[in-house]
Amino acid sequence: MSLRDFGPNELMFLLLATRWTILLALIAFAGGGLVGLVVAAIRVAPARPLRWLAAGYIQFFMGTPILIQLFMAYYGSSLLGYRPDPWTAAAVTFSLNGGAFFGEIFRGAIEAIPRGQWEAATALGFRFVRTLRLVIVPQAVRLMLPPTVGFMVQIVKTTSIASLIGLTELARAATQVNTVTFQPVTVFGTVSLIYFALCWPLSLYAGYLERRFAVGVKRNTGTPLVMSAA
């Protein structure tokens, strides 16, 4: 027997919890993107030991469940004498995990740039970091954007596991509402629609970028050396 029916107050509670889902997704997107840029740069660096290190990082975070990574960050940190709050553990976990996937996305885009661009920059006296920053990355951004936006959908959905360490985002709020209403179909059906409303526009935008930039890539044959402003 339910304590109360699912009504406007319960819906508002879910909508307010959605802001924390969005915030966590944005933190994971920003943190993962920064980590991914560093990982991608190391993956294409001339030094082989650095490439092995970055490859090991990627394999670890892509080859283990993110739930286990989250538990290790939240509970395992106590072995080092530190117990992070749920927000810190979730932010660090999602950023590091996202960095592995973003790193591979960015690396693929960087390696898709014709080798002649690297050789031309070398002929101009550019070193690796400057070549990457001024010549390669500005051209690779067009290739990075569609899969990057597409992966944002996965990030939004994955934030739901943060509820398992006590972070009150959308999924945990749904569990709390269901506890007092005992209307799982209504509660979790509503939550599904909220997640869909967050993810569907991103999916559409990723598809739009993919179509748009695919046309641009077909038109750009024999691209000259491109440098951004220093």
Protein backbone atom coordinates (compact mmCIF):
# COMPACT_ATOMS: atom_id res chain seq x y z
CA MET A 1 0.00 0.00 0.00
CA SER A 2 1.48 3.33 -1.08
CA LEU A 3 2.07 6.14 1.38
CA ARG A 4 1.01 8.66 -1.24
CA ASP A 5 0.30 8.81 -4.96
CA PHE A 6 2.72 10.01 -7.60
CA GLY A 7 1.80 13.64 -8.19
CA PRO A 8 3.18 17.08 -9.03
CA ASN A 9 5.39 17.21 -5.93
CA GLU A 10 7.05 13.90 -6.81
CA LEU A 11 7.50 15.00 -10.42
CA MET A 12 9.09 18.26 -9.26
CA PHE A 13 11.44 16.30 -6.99
CA LEU A 14 12.60 14.25 -9.98
CA LEU A 15 13.05 17.34 -12.13
CA LEU A 16 15.10 19.04 -9.43
CA ALA A 17 17.28 15.94 -9.12
CA THR A 18 17.83 16.08 -12.88
CA ARG A 19 19.98 19.19 -12.43
CA TRP A 20 22.50 17.10 -10.50
CA THR A 21 22.55 14.52 -13.28
CA ILE A 22 23.23 17.31 -15.78
CA LEU A 23 25.91 18.84 -13.56
CA LEU A 24 27.68 15.51 -13.06
CA ALA A 25 27.54 14.85 -16.82
CA LEU A 26 29.05 18.28 -17.54
CA ILE A 27 31.83 17.70 -15.01
CA ALA A 28 32.56 14.30 -16.56
CA PHE A 29 32.49 15.83 -20.05
CA ALA A 30 34.86 18.66 -19.16
CA GLY A 31 37.20 16.57 -17.02
CA GLY A 32 37.17 13.65 -19.40
CA GLY A 33 37.78 15.94 -22.35
CA LEU A 34 40.85 17.50 -20.75
CA VAL A 35 42.23 14.11 -19.73
CA GLY A 36 41.43 12.76 -23.19
CA LEU A 37 43.41 15.52 -24.92
CA VAL A 38 46.46 14.72 -22.81
CA VAL A 39 46.07 10.97 -23.37
CA ALA A 40 45.62 11.43 -27.12
CA ALA A 41 48.72 13.63 -27.30
CA ILE A 42 50.75 11.02 -25.43
CA ARG A 43 49.36 8.27 -27.66
CA VAL A 44 50.82 9.94 -30.76
CA ALA A 45 54.01 11.17 -29.07
CA PRO A 46 57.37 10.07 -30.48
CA ALA A 47 58.46 8.51 -27.16
CA ARG A 48 57.41 4.86 -27.16
CA PRO A 49 57.34 4.40 -23.33
CA LEU A 50 54.84 7.27 -23.09
CA ARG A 51 52.65 5.66 -25.74
CA TRP A 52 52.71 2.38 -23.79
CA LEU A 53 51.77 4.21 -20.60
CA ALA A 54 48.81 5.92 -22.28
CA ALA A 55 47.74 2.64 -23.91
CA GLY A 56 47.80 0.91 -20.51
CA TYR A 57 45.67 3.66 -19.02
CA ILE A 58 43.12 3.31 -21.80
CA GLN A 59 43.01 -0.46 -21.60
CA PHE A 60 42.48 -0.37 -17.83
CA PHE A 61 39.58 2.08 -17.86
CA MET A 62 37.97 0.63 -20.98
CA GLY A 63 38.49 -2.95 -19.84
CA THR A 64 37.02 -2.72 -16.34
CA PRO A 65 33.41 -1.89 -15.33
CA ILE A 66 32.91 1.74 -14.40
CA LEU A 67 30.90 0.58 -11.39
CA ILE A 68 33.99 -1.15 -9.97
CA GLN A 69 36.04 1.96 -10.69
CA LEU A 70 33.48 4.04 -8.80
CA PHE A 71 33.54 1.69 -5.82
CA MET A 72 37.34 1.72 -5.77
CA ALA A 73 37.39 5.52 -5.80
CA TYR A 74 34.77 5.79 -3.06
CA TYR A 75 35.56 2.84 -0.80
CA GLY A 76 39.11 1.97 -1.84
CA SER A 77 40.42 5.44 -1.03
CA SER A 78 40.02 4.61 2.66
CA LEU A 79 43.05 2.34 2.33
CA LEU A 80 45.05 5.51 1.73
CA GLY A 81 43.48 7.22 4.73
CA TYR A 82 41.08 9.33 2.69
CA ARG A 83 37.32 8.99 2.31
CA PRO A 84 35.97 11.20 -0.48
CA ASP A 85 32.42 12.43 -0.54
CA PRO A 86 30.12 10.96 -3.24
CA TRP A 87 30.46 14.02 -5.49
CA THR A 88 34.26 13.91 -5.49
CA ALA A 89 34.39 10.15 -6.07
CA ALA A 90 31.87 10.33 -8.91
CA ALA A 91 33.51 13.34 -10.57
CA VAL A 92 36.98 11.79 -10.47
CA THR A 93 35.76 8.39 -11.65
CA PHE A 94 33.70 9.70 -14.56
CA SER A 95 36.47 12.10 -15.61
CA LEU A 96 39.14 9.40 -15.64
CA ASN A 97 36.86 6.88 -17.32
CA GLY A 98 35.68 9.41 -19.89
CA GLY A 99 39.29 10.45 -20.49
CA ALA A 100 40.10 6.96 -21.76
CA PHE A 101 37.25 6.99 -24.29
CA PHE A 102 37.84 10.60 -25.30
CA GLY A 103 41.53 9.82 -25.68
CA GLU A 104 40.75 7.15 -28.26
CA ILE A 105 38.28 9.42 -30.05
CA PHE A 106 40.80 12.25 -30.21
CA ARG A 107 43.64 9.95 -31.20
CA GLY A 108 41.63 8.58 -34.09
CA ALA A 109 40.86 12.09 -35.29
CA ILE A 110 44.51 13.16 -34.97
CA GLU A 111 45.79 10.12 -36.86
CA ALA A 112 43.25 10.75 -39.63
CA ILE A 113 45.03 13.99 -40.54
CA PRO A 114 47.34 13.34 -43.53
CA ARG A 115 50.95 12.63 -42.61
CA GLY A 116 52.01 15.40 -44.94
CA GLN A 117 50.73 17.94 -42.43
CA TRP A 118 53.21 16.66 -39.82
CA GLU A 119 56.02 16.67 -42.37
CA ALA A 120 55.21 20.19 -43.52
CA ALA A 121 55.20 21.45 -39.94
CA THR A 122 58.53 19.72 -39.28
CA ALA A 123 59.98 21.37 -42.37
CA LEU A 124 58.96 24.73 -40.89
CA GLY A 125 60.88 23.93 -37.72
CA PHE A 126 57.90 23.11 -35.50
CA ARG A 127 58.42 20.70 -32.62
CA PHE A 128 55.90 18.03 -31.64
CA VAL A 129 53.80 20.04 -29.16
CA ARG A 130 53.64 23.11 -31.38
CA THR A 131 52.76 21.02 -34.42
CA LEU A 132 49.99 19.33 -32.49
CA ARG A 133 48.62 22.58 -31.06
CA LEU A 134 48.82 24.80 -34.15
CA VAL A 135 48.52 22.43 -37.08
CA ILE A 136 47.00 19.05 -36.27
CA VAL A 137 44.37 19.64 -33.56
CA PRO A 138 42.64 22.58 -35.37
CA GLN A 139 42.06 20.29 -38.34
CA ALA A 140 41.16 17.25 -36.22
CA VAL A 141 38.43 19.11 -34.32
CA ARG A 142 36.01 18.58 -37.20
CA LEU A 143 36.51 14.83 -36.91
CA MET A 144 36.39 14.83 -33.11
CA LEU A 145 33.09 16.64 -32.63
CA PRO A 146 30.50 14.08 -33.84
CA PRO A 147 31.76 11.11 -31.77
CA THR A 148 32.47 13.42 -28.84
CA VAL A 149 28.87 14.65 -28.74
CA GLY A 150 27.68 11.09 -29.27
CA PHE A 151 29.69 9.87 -26.28
CA MET A 152 28.07 12.60 -24.19
CA VAL A 153 24.86 10.55 -24.46
CA GLN A 154 26.65 7.61 -22.87
CA ILE A 155 27.96 9.84 -20.09
CA VAL A 156 24.46 11.10 -19.24
CA LYS A 157 23.12 7.56 -18.97
CA THR A 158 26.11 6.30 -17.00
CA THR A 159 25.68 8.95 -14.30
CA SER A 160 22.85 6.81 -12.92
CA ILE A 161 25.32 4.46 -11.23
CA ALA A 162 26.44 7.32 -8.97
CA SER A 163 23.26 6.63 -7.00
CA LEU A 164 24.94 3.48 -5.64
CA ILE A 165 27.34 5.54 -3.52
CA GLY A 166 24.63 7.86 -2.20
CA LEU A 167 24.71 10.73 -4.70
CA THR A 168 21.17 12.01 -5.07
CA GLU A 169 20.86 12.41 -8.82
CA LEU A 170 17.94 11.37 -11.01
CA ALA A 171 18.19 7.60 -10.54
CA ARG A 172 18.49 7.80 -6.74
CA ALA A 173 15.65 10.33 -6.59
CA ALA A 174 13.51 7.87 -8.54
CA THR A 175 14.28 5.14 -6.01
CA GLN A 176 13.34 7.44 -3.16
CA VAL A 177 10.04 8.43 -4.81
CA ASN A 178 9.23 4.81 -5.55
CA THR A 179 9.81 3.93 -1.89
CA VAL A 180 6.93 6.16 -0.79
CA THR A 181 4.60 5.71 -3.78
CA PHE A 182 5.09 2.04 -4.67
CA GLN A 183 4.32 2.93 -8.29
CA PRO A 184 7.46 1.73 -10.09
CA VAL A 185 5.92 1.80 -13.58
CA THR A 186 4.89 5.44 -13.20
CA VAL A 187 8.05 6.55 -11.41
CA PHE A 188 10.64 4.82 -13.56
CA GLY A 189 8.60 5.42 -16.70
CA THR A 190 8.77 9.14 -15.94
CA VAL A 191 12.50 8.90 -15.28
CA SER A 192 12.97 7.12 -18.60
CA LEU A 193 11.24 10.00 -20.37
CA ILE A 194 13.50 12.50 -18.59
CA TYR A 195 16.63 10.61 -19.63
CA PHE A 196 15.25 10.40 -23.16
CA ALA A 197 14.63 14.16 -23.18
CA LEU A 198 18.26 14.71 -22.18
CA CYS A 199 19.83 12.23 -24.59
CA TRP A 200 17.73 12.45 -27.73
CA PRO A 201 18.71 16.04 -28.67
CA LEU A 202 22.39 15.11 -28.20
CA SER A 203 21.94 12.09 -30.47
CA LEU A 204 20.29 14.24 -33.12
CA TYR A 205 23.03 16.85 -32.87
CA ALA A 206 25.76 14.20 -33.15
CA GLY A 207 24.09 12.88 -36.30
CA TYR A 208 23.82 16.39 -37.71
CA LEU A 209 27.52 17.07 -37.07
CA GLU A 210 28.50 13.77 -38.63
CA ARG A 211 26.56 14.49 -41.82
CA ARG A 212 27.76 18.08 -42.01
CA PHE A 213 31.43 17.35 -41.46
CA ALA A 214 31.34 14.29 -43.71
CA VAL A 215 30.33 16.58 -46.57
CA GLY A 216 33.09 19.01 -45.62
CA VAL A 217 35.71 16.26 -45.58
CA LYS A 218 34.67 15.06 -49.04
CA ARG A 219 35.05 18.57 -50.43
CA ASN A 220 38.42 19.22 -48.78
CA THR A 221 40.92 17.26 -50.84
CA GLY A 222 44.54 18.26 -50.88
CA THR A 223 44.16 20.48 -47.79
CA PRO A 224 47.10 22.89 -47.41
CA LEU A 225 48.99 23.31 -44.16
CA VAL A 226 46.68 24.93 -41.62
CA MET A 227 47.88 26.81 -38.55
CA SER A 228 45.82 28.51 -35.89
CA ALA A 229 46.85 31.72 -34.21
CA ALA A 230 49.51 31.22 -31.57
